[in-house]
Amino acid sequence: MKKYTRFINSLLAAIVLSMVTGLSAVAQAAEAKAKAKAKPTELPIKVSPYKKRPAESAQSIAEGRVIYENACIYCHGVEAKGEGPVAFYLSRDTAPRPRDLTSGIYKFRSTASGELPMDEDIFRTITRGVTGYMPGFEGMAPADRWKLVYYVKSLVPDFKEVTDPEVIKMVGSAIPSSAVSIRRGYDVYQQFKCWECHGGGGRGDGKKAPALKDDWDFPLPPRDLTRLSSFKNGSEPADLYRTVMAGFDGGAMPSYADFFEGSEKDAWHLVNYIRSLSE
């Protein structure tokens, strides 16, 4: 009986040791994965598969112009300066007005402030649209959307000279939302005085809000952060991270990339706080 008991005890000890070793290996793998995620990577941009992307050429640009004249001219205008016949009725006295596509100034980018956007940024905007202002064209054939991208680029000569713009790097990844993370995000919101424009409760009623204007001198109300579905640049964590880091060129929202350098984790906490305002 004693021999049997010793055998059972030895077997149980071996099983426990095996489980502990396995858990240790899992923990080490998880730690290695977390470290890999902390390395800077390019922001994810959801676009159509590249196999559907036509070559950029004089022909595809010309075809893109035809698409522009059929779908975009009413808001952006014949000369693409944002002065189409519908523009006046969209936002007569306040920003945002339809984009002057000849200016080379883009709000929705995954590139650093002052840089031209990636082709994929323009494609994303055409596909998604701008909530409350510009319809999305997801129903348009991907090849036609790319041709439209090429035509839009042809309106700004600088695109021919800049082939490798500085992109915003995504450090780490979205942090699971929790009370601790949201509290830290609130502290960051206070630290960078986001409330001066967006207000203490995030409703866009900060003390600086009435005086904000865009680069074209149109009044530009800050975003009401309690209405997640109204975010023009997207509301997913990666979208908000991109907005915070890149800012909105031409608008009142600056880039905070330099402020978060070395403490990008706080940017993810801020994202969680902003998203919590609409819950």
C-alpha atoms as a PDB file:
ATOM      1  CA  MET A   1       0.000   0.000   0.000  1.00  0.00           C
ATOM      2  CA  LYS A   2       2.851   2.378   0.896  1.00  0.00           C
ATOM      3  CA  LYS A   3       4.550   1.696  -2.443  1.00  0.00           C
ATOM      4  CA  TYR A   4       1.292   2.487  -4.258  1.00  0.00           C
ATOM      5  CA  THR A   5       0.884   5.734  -2.274  1.00  0.00           C
ATOM      6  CA  ARG A   6       4.475   6.788  -3.066  1.00  0.00           C
ATOM      7  CA  PHE A   7       3.842   6.026  -6.750  1.00  0.00           C
ATOM      8  CA  ILE A   8       0.676   8.168  -6.803  1.00  0.00           C
ATOM      9  CA  ASN A   9       2.472  11.026  -5.016  1.00  0.00           C
ATOM     10  CA  SER A  10       5.381  10.874  -7.466  1.00  0.00           C
ATOM     11  CA  LEU A  11       2.971  10.854 -10.407  1.00  0.00           C
ATOM     12  CA  LEU A  12       1.077  13.869  -9.055  1.00  0.00           C
ATOM     13  CA  ALA A  13       4.343  15.730  -8.465  1.00  0.00           C
ATOM     14  CA  ALA A  14       5.413  15.071 -12.052  1.00  0.00           C
ATOM     15  CA  ILE A  15       2.075  16.314 -13.368  1.00  0.00           C
ATOM     16  CA  VAL A  16       2.270  19.506 -11.268  1.00  0.00           C
ATOM     17  CA  LEU A  17       5.864  20.114 -12.377  1.00  0.00           C
ATOM     18  CA  SER A  18       4.826  19.654 -16.009  1.00  0.00           C
ATOM     19  CA  MET A  19       1.950  22.124 -15.593  1.00  0.00           C
ATOM     20  CA  VAL A  20       4.184  24.731 -13.913  1.00  0.00           C
ATOM     21  CA  THR A  21       6.790  24.377 -16.658  1.00  0.00           C
ATOM     22  CA  GLY A  22       4.087  24.734 -19.312  1.00  0.00           C
ATOM     23  CA  LEU A  23       2.617  27.827 -17.662  1.00  0.00           C
ATOM     24  CA  SER A  24       6.077  29.345 -17.423  1.00  0.00           C
ATOM     25  CA  ALA A  25       6.628  28.781 -21.131  1.00  0.00           C
ATOM     26  CA  VAL A  26       3.251  30.349 -21.922  1.00  0.00           C
ATOM     27  CA  ALA A  27       4.088  33.357 -19.749  1.00  0.00           C
ATOM     28  CA  GLN A  28       7.458  33.775 -21.457  1.00  0.00           C
ATOM     29  CA  ALA A  29       5.813  33.587 -24.884  1.00  0.00           C
ATOM     30  CA  ALA A  30       3.212  36.182 -23.841  1.00  0.00           C
ATOM     31  CA  GLU A  31       5.942  38.489 -22.544  1.00  0.00           C
ATOM     32  CA  ALA A  32       7.919  38.145 -25.781  1.00  0.00           C
ATOM     33  CA  LYS A  33       4.769  38.896 -27.786  1.00  0.00           C
ATOM     34  CA  ALA A  34       4.076  41.988 -25.672  1.00  0.00           C
ATOM     35  CA  LYS A  35       7.623  43.266 -26.220  1.00  0.00           C
ATOM     36  CA  ALA A  36       7.282  42.737 -29.955  1.00  0.00           C
ATOM     37  CA  LYS A  37       4.060  44.750 -29.940  1.00  0.00           C
ATOM     38  CA  ALA A  38       5.824  47.646 -28.193  1.00  0.00           C
ATOM     39  CA  LYS A  39       8.054  48.233 -31.200  1.00  0.00           C
ATOM     40  CA  PRO A  40       6.985  51.041 -33.530  1.00  0.00           C
ATOM     41  CA  THR A  41       4.981  49.879 -36.506  1.00  0.00           C
ATOM     42  CA  GLU A  42       3.136  51.686 -39.237  1.00  0.00           C
ATOM     43  CA  LEU A  43      -0.465  52.478 -38.460  1.00  0.00           C
ATOM     44  CA  PRO A  44      -2.858  49.924 -39.943  1.00  0.00           C
ATOM     45  CA  ILE A  45      -4.816  51.279 -42.893  1.00  0.00           C
ATOM     46  CA  LYS A  46      -7.683  49.166 -44.128  1.00  0.00           C
ATOM     47  CA  VAL A  47      -7.709  49.339 -47.906  1.00  0.00           C
ATOM     48  CA  SER A  48      -8.756  47.171 -50.782  1.00  0.00           C
ATOM     49  CA  PRO A  49      -6.426  44.314 -51.704  1.00  0.00           C
ATOM     50  CA  TYR A  50      -3.555  45.653 -53.771  1.00  0.00           C
ATOM     51  CA  LYS A  51      -4.240  43.132 -56.512  1.00  0.00           C
ATOM     52  CA  LYS A  52      -7.223  45.342 -57.400  1.00  0.00           C
ATOM     53  CA  ARG A  53      -5.076  48.467 -57.621  1.00  0.00           C
ATOM     54  CA  PRO A  54      -4.387  49.660 -61.189  1.00  0.00           C
ATOM     55  CA  ALA A  55      -1.093  51.230 -62.173  1.00  0.00           C
ATOM     56  CA  GLU A  56      -0.756  54.985 -61.774  1.00  0.00           C
ATOM     57  CA  SER A  57      -0.449  56.384 -65.306  1.00  0.00           C
ATOM     58  CA  ALA A  58      -1.662  59.208 -67.519  1.00  0.00           C
ATOM     59  CA  GLN A  59      -4.558  56.994 -68.591  1.00  0.00           C
ATOM     60  CA  SER A  60      -5.657  56.071 -65.054  1.00  0.00           C
ATOM     61  CA  ILE A  61      -5.400  59.737 -64.012  1.00  0.00           C
ATOM     62  CA  ALA A  62      -7.574  60.761 -66.980  1.00  0.00           C
ATOM     63  CA  GLU A  63     -10.086  58.072 -66.054  1.00  0.00           C
ATOM     64  CA  GLY A  64      -9.979  59.316 -62.472  1.00  0.00           C
ATOM     65  CA  ARG A  65     -10.883  62.793 -63.680  1.00  0.00           C
ATOM     66  CA  VAL A  66     -13.991  61.432 -65.370  1.00  0.00           C
ATOM     67  CA  ILE A  67     -14.973  59.741 -62.109  1.00  0.00           C
ATOM     68  CA  TYR A  68     -14.338  63.005 -60.238  1.00  0.00           C
ATOM     69  CA  GLU A  69     -16.574  64.926 -62.623  1.00  0.00           C
ATOM     70  CA  ASN A  70     -19.358  62.407 -62.113  1.00  0.00           C
ATOM     71  CA  ALA A  71     -19.139  61.999 -58.340  1.00  0.00           C
ATOM     72  CA  CYS A  72     -17.172  64.822 -56.690  1.00  0.00           C
ATOM     73  CA  ILE A  73     -17.583  68.011 -58.713  1.00  0.00           C
ATOM     74  CA  TYR A  74     -20.805  69.083 -56.992  1.00  0.00           C
ATOM     75  CA  CYS A  75     -19.042  69.700 -53.656  1.00  0.00           C
ATOM     76  CA  HIS A  76     -15.379  70.139 -54.564  1.00  0.00           C
ATOM     77  CA  GLY A  77     -16.043  72.181 -57.699  1.00  0.00           C
ATOM     78  CA  VAL A  78     -14.867  72.222 -61.316  1.00  0.00           C
ATOM     79  CA  GLU A  79     -11.400  73.414 -60.291  1.00  0.00           C
ATOM     80  CA  ALA A  80     -11.357  71.192 -57.173  1.00  0.00           C
ATOM     81  CA  LYS A  81     -11.047  74.199 -54.853  1.00  0.00           C
ATOM     82  CA  GLY A  82     -13.986  73.223 -52.660  1.00  0.00           C
ATOM     83  CA  GLU A  83     -16.356  75.681 -54.309  1.00  0.00           C
ATOM     84  CA  GLY A  84     -18.897  73.370 -55.896  1.00  0.00           C
ATOM     85  CA  PRO A  85     -22.569  74.413 -56.066  1.00  0.00           C
ATOM     86  CA  VAL A  86     -23.488  72.193 -53.110  1.00  0.00           C
ATOM     87  CA  ALA A  87     -20.663  73.476 -50.868  1.00  0.00           C
ATOM     88  CA  PHE A  88     -22.568  76.613 -49.872  1.00  0.00           C
ATOM     89  CA  TYR A  89     -25.490  74.560 -48.575  1.00  0.00           C
ATOM     90  CA  LEU A  90     -23.340  72.027 -46.726  1.00  0.00           C
ATOM     91  CA  SER A  91     -21.703  74.522 -44.374  1.00  0.00           C
ATOM     92  CA  ARG A  92     -22.292  78.112 -45.383  1.00  0.00           C
ATOM     93  CA  ASP A  93     -20.802  79.862 -42.353  1.00  0.00           C
ATOM     94  CA  THR A  94     -18.709  77.254 -40.543  1.00  0.00           C
ATOM     95  CA  ALA A  95     -16.029  74.711 -41.231  1.00  0.00           C
ATOM     96  CA  PRO A  96     -15.467  72.125 -42.451  1.00  0.00           C
ATOM     97  CA  ARG A  97     -16.051  73.178 -46.023  1.00  0.00           C
ATOM     98  CA  PRO A  98     -15.350  70.748 -48.869  1.00  0.00           C
ATOM     99  CA  ARG A  99     -11.577  70.326 -49.161  1.00  0.00           C
ATOM    100  CA  ASP A 100      -9.610  72.491 -51.599  1.00  0.00           C
ATOM    101  CA  LEU A 101      -7.898  69.560 -53.278  1.00  0.00           C
ATOM    102  CA  THR A 102      -5.315  71.815 -54.916  1.00  0.00           C
ATOM    103  CA  SER A 103      -3.939  73.136 -51.609  1.00  0.00           C
ATOM    104  CA  GLY A 104      -1.992  70.048 -50.585  1.00  0.00           C
ATOM    105  CA  ILE A 105      -3.380  70.359 -47.035  1.00  0.00           C
ATOM    106  CA  TYR A 106      -4.953  67.176 -45.705  1.00  0.00           C
ATOM    107  CA  LYS A 107      -6.575  66.497 -42.354  1.00  0.00           C
ATOM    108  CA  PHE A 108      -6.966  62.753 -42.512  1.00  0.00           C
ATOM    109  CA  ARG A 109      -3.457  61.334 -42.700  1.00  0.00           C
ATOM    110  CA  SER A 110      -1.289  58.637 -41.183  1.00  0.00           C
ATOM    111  CA  THR A 111       1.720  60.881 -41.844  1.00  0.00           C
ATOM    112  CA  ALA A 112       3.369  63.532 -39.690  1.00  0.00           C
ATOM    113  CA  SER A 113       1.919  67.029 -39.509  1.00  0.00           C
ATOM    114  CA  GLY A 114       2.891  69.051 -42.572  1.00  0.00           C
ATOM    115  CA  GLU A 115       3.448  65.949 -44.694  1.00  0.00           C
ATOM    116  CA  LEU A 116       1.396  64.846 -47.659  1.00  0.00           C
ATOM    117  CA  PRO A 117      -0.833  61.828 -47.028  1.00  0.00           C
ATOM    118  CA  MET A 118      -0.165  58.292 -48.154  1.00  0.00           C
ATOM    119  CA  ASP A 119      -2.131  57.072 -51.164  1.00  0.00           C
ATOM    120  CA  GLU A 120      -3.890  54.735 -48.747  1.00  0.00           C
ATOM    121  CA  ASP A 121      -5.050  57.692 -46.621  1.00  0.00           C
ATOM    122  CA  ILE A 122      -6.833  59.261 -49.591  1.00  0.00           C
ATOM    123  CA  PHE A 123      -8.277  55.876 -50.533  1.00  0.00           C
ATOM    124  CA  ARG A 124      -9.557  55.407 -46.969  1.00  0.00           C
ATOM    125  CA  THR A 125     -11.242  58.819 -46.961  1.00  0.00           C
ATOM    126  CA  ILE A 126     -12.898  58.168 -50.324  1.00  0.00           C
ATOM    127  CA  THR A 127     -14.060  54.757 -49.108  1.00  0.00           C
ATOM    128  CA  ARG A 128     -15.275  55.757 -45.645  1.00  0.00           C
ATOM    129  CA  GLY A 129     -16.322  59.319 -46.369  1.00  0.00           C
ATOM    130  CA  VAL A 130     -16.438  61.936 -43.615  1.00  0.00           C
ATOM    131  CA  THR A 131     -19.227  61.393 -41.110  1.00  0.00           C
ATOM    132  CA  GLY A 132     -21.855  64.108 -41.368  1.00  0.00           C
ATOM    133  CA  TYR A 133     -20.282  65.767 -44.411  1.00  0.00           C
ATOM    134  CA  MET A 134     -18.995  63.514 -47.172  1.00  0.00           C
ATOM    135  CA  PRO A 135     -20.597  60.221 -48.193  1.00  0.00           C
ATOM    136  CA  GLY A 136     -18.486  57.097 -48.426  1.00  0.00           C
ATOM    137  CA  PHE A 137     -17.939  55.477 -51.802  1.00  0.00           C
ATOM    138  CA  GLU A 138     -17.441  51.889 -50.705  1.00  0.00           C
ATOM    139  CA  GLY A 139     -19.901  50.869 -53.399  1.00  0.00           C
ATOM    140  CA  MET A 140     -17.588  52.226 -56.090  1.00  0.00           C
ATOM    141  CA  ALA A 141     -15.311  49.640 -57.682  1.00  0.00           C
ATOM    142  CA  PRO A 142     -11.918  49.549 -55.902  1.00  0.00           C
ATOM    143  CA  ALA A 143     -10.080  50.181 -59.193  1.00  0.00           C
ATOM    144  CA  ASP A 144     -12.165  53.323 -59.738  1.00  0.00           C
ATOM    145  CA  ARG A 145     -11.415  54.553 -56.226  1.00  0.00           C
ATOM    146  CA  TRP A 146      -7.696  54.150 -56.901  1.00  0.00           C
ATOM    147  CA  LYS A 147      -8.032  56.071 -60.164  1.00  0.00           C
ATOM    148  CA  LEU A 148      -9.748  58.828 -58.225  1.00  0.00           C
ATOM    149  CA  VAL A 149      -6.825  58.827 -55.783  1.00  0.00           C
ATOM    150  CA  TYR A 150      -4.422  59.301 -58.688  1.00  0.00           C
ATOM    151  CA  TYR A 151      -6.441  62.205 -60.099  1.00  0.00           C
ATOM    152  CA  VAL A 152      -6.612  63.926 -56.688  1.00  0.00           C
ATOM    153  CA  LYS A 153      -2.837  63.572 -56.370  1.00  0.00           C
ATOM    154  CA  SER A 154      -2.333  65.056 -59.845  1.00  0.00           C
ATOM    155  CA  LEU A 155      -3.851  68.316 -58.585  1.00  0.00           C
ATOM    156  CA  VAL A 156      -0.886  68.881 -56.236  1.00  0.00           C
ATOM    157  CA  PRO A 157       2.549  68.988 -57.941  1.00  0.00           C
ATOM    158  CA  ASP A 158       4.315  68.170 -54.656  1.00  0.00           C
ATOM    159  CA  PHE A 159       3.103  64.584 -54.889  1.00  0.00           C
ATOM    160  CA  LYS A 160       5.562  64.071 -57.765  1.00  0.00           C
ATOM    161  CA  GLU A 161       8.464  65.168 -55.576  1.00  0.00           C
ATOM    162  CA  VAL A 162       7.566  63.478 -52.297  1.00  0.00           C
ATOM    163  CA  THR A 163       7.457  59.717 -52.654  1.00  0.00           C
ATOM    164  CA  ASP A 164       8.320  58.744 -49.078  1.00  0.00           C
ATOM    165  CA  PRO A 165       6.500  60.955 -46.545  1.00  0.00           C
ATOM    166  CA  GLU A 166       7.245  60.607 -42.846  1.00  0.00           C
ATOM    167  CA  VAL A 167       4.646  58.277 -41.377  1.00  0.00           C
ATOM    168  CA  ILE A 168       3.273  58.222 -37.858  1.00  0.00           C
ATOM    169  CA  LYS A 169       4.536  55.164 -36.021  1.00  0.00           C
ATOM    170  CA  MET A 170       2.182  53.211 -33.813  1.00  0.00           C
ATOM    171  CA  VAL A 171       4.023  52.278 -30.611  1.00  0.00           C
ATOM    172  CA  GLY A 172       2.400  49.435 -28.726  1.00  0.00           C
ATOM    173  CA  SER A 173      -1.234  48.583 -29.318  1.00  0.00           C
ATOM    174  CA  ALA A 174      -4.649  49.414 -27.915  1.00  0.00           C
ATOM    175  CA  ILE A 175      -4.833  48.856 -24.168  1.00  0.00           C
ATOM    176  CA  PRO A 176      -7.911  47.021 -22.858  1.00  0.00           C
ATOM    177  CA  SER A 177     -10.255  49.584 -21.378  1.00  0.00           C
ATOM    178  CA  SER A 178     -10.394  49.533 -17.587  1.00  0.00           C
ATOM    179  CA  ALA A 179     -11.074  51.920 -14.724  1.00  0.00           C
ATOM    180  CA  VAL A 180      -7.340  52.350 -14.168  1.00  0.00           C
ATOM    181  CA  SER A 181      -6.645  53.062 -17.850  1.00  0.00           C
ATOM    182  CA  ILE A 182      -9.567  55.490 -18.155  1.00  0.00           C
ATOM    183  CA  ARG A 183      -8.430  57.317 -15.017  1.00  0.00           C
ATOM    184  CA  ARG A 184      -4.923  57.680 -16.447  1.00  0.00           C
ATOM    185  CA  GLY A 185      -6.443  58.888 -19.718  1.00  0.00           C
ATOM    186  CA  TYR A 186      -8.425  61.502 -17.792  1.00  0.00           C
ATOM    187  CA  ASP A 187      -5.198  62.723 -16.202  1.00  0.00           C
ATOM    188  CA  VAL A 188      -3.602  63.015 -19.657  1.00  0.00           C
ATOM    189  CA  TYR A 189      -6.684  64.898 -20.918  1.00  0.00           C
ATOM    190  CA  GLN A 190      -6.191  67.375 -18.078  1.00  0.00           C
ATOM    191  CA  GLN A 191      -2.408  67.551 -18.481  1.00  0.00           C
ATOM    192  CA  PHE A 192      -2.564  68.567 -22.136  1.00  0.00           C
ATOM    193  CA  LYS A 193      -5.537  70.875 -21.516  1.00  0.00           C
ATOM    194  CA  CYS A 194      -7.790  69.136 -24.004  1.00  0.00           C
ATOM    195  CA  TRP A 195     -10.652  70.621 -22.005  1.00  0.00           C
ATOM    196  CA  GLU A 196      -9.797  74.120 -23.227  1.00  0.00           C
ATOM    197  CA  CYS A 197     -11.353  73.232 -26.586  1.00  0.00           C
ATOM    198  CA  HIS A 198     -13.360  70.046 -25.986  1.00  0.00           C
ATOM    199  CA  GLY A 199     -14.673  71.033 -22.554  1.00  0.00           C
ATOM    200  CA  GLY A 200     -14.478  69.354 -19.163  1.00  0.00           C
ATOM    201  CA  GLY A 201     -17.082  66.776 -20.154  1.00  0.00           C
ATOM    202  CA  GLY A 202     -15.847  66.452 -23.739  1.00  0.00           C
ATOM    203  CA  ARG A 203     -18.893  68.119 -25.302  1.00  0.00           C
ATOM    204  CA  GLY A 204     -16.927  70.583 -27.417  1.00  0.00           C
ATOM    205  CA  ASP A 205     -17.830  73.526 -25.199  1.00  0.00           C
ATOM    206  CA  GLY A 206     -14.403  74.519 -23.857  1.00  0.00           C
ATOM    207  CA  LYS A 207     -13.534  78.151 -23.192  1.00  0.00           C
ATOM    208  CA  LYS A 208     -11.510  78.392 -26.432  1.00  0.00           C
ATOM    209  CA  ALA A 209     -14.197  76.764 -28.578  1.00  0.00           C
ATOM    210  CA  PRO A 210     -16.012  79.936 -29.729  1.00  0.00           C
ATOM    211  CA  ALA A 211     -12.823  81.487 -31.120  1.00  0.00           C
ATOM    212  CA  LEU A 212     -11.486  78.459 -33.023  1.00  0.00           C
ATOM    213  CA  LYS A 213     -11.089  78.827 -36.799  1.00  0.00           C
ATOM    214  CA  ASP A 214      -9.527  76.806 -39.581  1.00  0.00           C
ATOM    215  CA  ASP A 215      -6.780  77.971 -41.940  1.00  0.00           C
ATOM    216  CA  TRP A 216      -9.424  79.538 -44.209  1.00  0.00           C
ATOM    217  CA  ASP A 217     -10.794  81.655 -41.344  1.00  0.00           C
ATOM    218  CA  PHE A 218     -14.041  79.727 -41.007  1.00  0.00           C
ATOM    219  CA  PRO A 219     -15.327  79.064 -37.462  1.00  0.00           C
ATOM    220  CA  LEU A 220     -14.466  75.490 -36.505  1.00  0.00           C
ATOM    221  CA  PRO A 221     -16.367  74.022 -33.535  1.00  0.00           C
ATOM    222  CA  PRO A 222     -14.415  71.326 -31.647  1.00  0.00           C
ATOM    223  CA  ARG A 223     -15.693  67.775 -31.838  1.00  0.00           C
ATOM    224  CA  ASP A 224     -18.222  66.652 -29.230  1.00  0.00           C
ATOM    225  CA  LEU A 225     -16.315  63.664 -27.851  1.00  0.00           C
ATOM    226  CA  THR A 226     -19.438  62.133 -26.322  1.00  0.00           C
ATOM    227  CA  ARG A 227     -20.737  61.301 -29.810  1.00  0.00           C
ATOM    228  CA  LEU A 228     -18.352  58.561 -30.894  1.00  0.00           C
ATOM    229  CA  SER A 229     -20.213  57.836 -34.122  1.00  0.00           C
ATOM    230  CA  SER A 230     -19.668  61.420 -35.321  1.00  0.00           C
ATOM    231  CA  PHE A 231     -15.854  61.284 -35.334  1.00  0.00           C
ATOM    232  CA  LYS A 232     -14.806  62.311 -38.841  1.00  0.00           C
ATOM    233  CA  ASN A 233     -11.485  60.442 -38.812  1.00  0.00           C
ATOM    234  CA  GLY A 234     -12.884  57.187 -37.425  1.00  0.00           C
ATOM    235  CA  SER A 235     -13.662  56.006 -33.902  1.00  0.00           C
ATOM    236  CA  GLU A 236     -11.671  52.793 -33.541  1.00  0.00           C
ATOM    237  CA  PRO A 237      -8.690  52.948 -31.121  1.00  0.00           C
ATOM    238  CA  ALA A 238      -6.163  53.064 -33.993  1.00  0.00           C
ATOM    239  CA  ASP A 239      -8.166  55.894 -35.605  1.00  0.00           C
ATOM    240  CA  LEU A 240      -8.082  57.978 -32.427  1.00  0.00           C
ATOM    241  CA  TYR A 241      -4.386  57.255 -31.901  1.00  0.00           C
ATOM    242  CA  ARG A 242      -3.752  58.471 -35.461  1.00  0.00           C
ATOM    243  CA  THR A 243      -5.785  61.627 -34.849  1.00  0.00           C
ATOM    244  CA  VAL A 244      -3.950  62.458 -31.624  1.00  0.00           C
ATOM    245  CA  MET A 245      -0.521  61.833 -33.118  1.00  0.00           C
ATOM    246  CA  ALA A 246      -1.038  63.378 -36.573  1.00  0.00           C
ATOM    247  CA  GLY A 247      -3.438  66.198 -35.728  1.00  0.00           C
ATOM    248  CA  PHE A 248      -5.635  67.839 -38.360  1.00  0.00           C
ATOM    249  CA  ASP A 249      -3.616  70.001 -40.735  1.00  0.00           C
ATOM    250  CA  GLY A 250      -5.653  73.020 -41.751  1.00  0.00           C
ATOM    251  CA  GLY A 251      -7.799  72.708 -38.628  1.00  0.00           C
ATOM    252  CA  ALA A 252      -7.413  73.644 -34.978  1.00  0.00           C
ATOM    253  CA  MET A 253      -6.255  70.221 -33.745  1.00  0.00           C
ATOM    254  CA  PRO A 254      -2.440  70.094 -33.501  1.00  0.00           C
ATOM    255  CA  SER A 255      -0.229  67.020 -33.597  1.00  0.00           C
ATOM    256  CA  TYR A 256       0.764  65.637 -30.196  1.00  0.00           C
ATOM    257  CA  ALA A 257       3.366  63.189 -31.481  1.00  0.00           C
ATOM    258  CA  ASP A 258       6.266  65.118 -29.934  1.00  0.00           C
ATOM    259  CA  PHE A 259       4.526  65.400 -26.568  1.00  0.00           C
ATOM    260  CA  PHE A 260       3.918  61.647 -26.357  1.00  0.00           C
ATOM    261  CA  GLU A 261       7.359  60.592 -27.564  1.00  0.00           C
ATOM    262  CA  GLY A 262       8.676  58.029 -25.111  1.00  0.00           C
ATOM    263  CA  SER A 263       5.320  57.781 -23.316  1.00  0.00           C
ATOM    264  CA  GLU A 264       3.069  56.539 -26.121  1.00  0.00           C
ATOM    265  CA  LYS A 265       1.272  54.293 -23.653  1.00  0.00           C
ATOM    266  CA  ASP A 266      -0.380  57.429 -22.276  1.00  0.00           C
ATOM    267  CA  ALA A 267      -1.799  58.111 -25.743  1.00  0.00           C
ATOM    268  CA  TRP A 268      -3.566  54.740 -25.604  1.00  0.00           C
ATOM    269  CA  HIS A 269      -4.922  55.590 -22.136  1.00  0.00           C
ATOM    270  CA  LEU A 270      -6.211  58.886 -23.554  1.00  0.00           C
ATOM    271  CA  VAL A 271      -7.916  56.928 -26.337  1.00  0.00           C
ATOM    272  CA  ASN A 272      -9.704  54.799 -23.729  1.00  0.00           C
ATOM    273  CA  TYR A 273     -10.814  57.912 -21.831  1.00  0.00           C
ATOM    274  CA  ILE A 274     -12.188  59.541 -24.985  1.00  0.00           C
ATOM    275  CA  ARG A 275     -14.077  56.392 -25.946  1.00  0.00           C
ATOM    276  CA  SER A 276     -15.499  56.131 -22.417  1.00  0.00           C
ATOM    277  CA  LEU A 277     -17.185  59.529 -22.769  1.00  0.00           C
ATOM    278  CA  SER A 278     -19.764  58.082 -25.156  1.00  0.00           C
ATOM    279  CA  GLU A 279     -20.568  54.997 -23.104  1.00  0.00           C
END
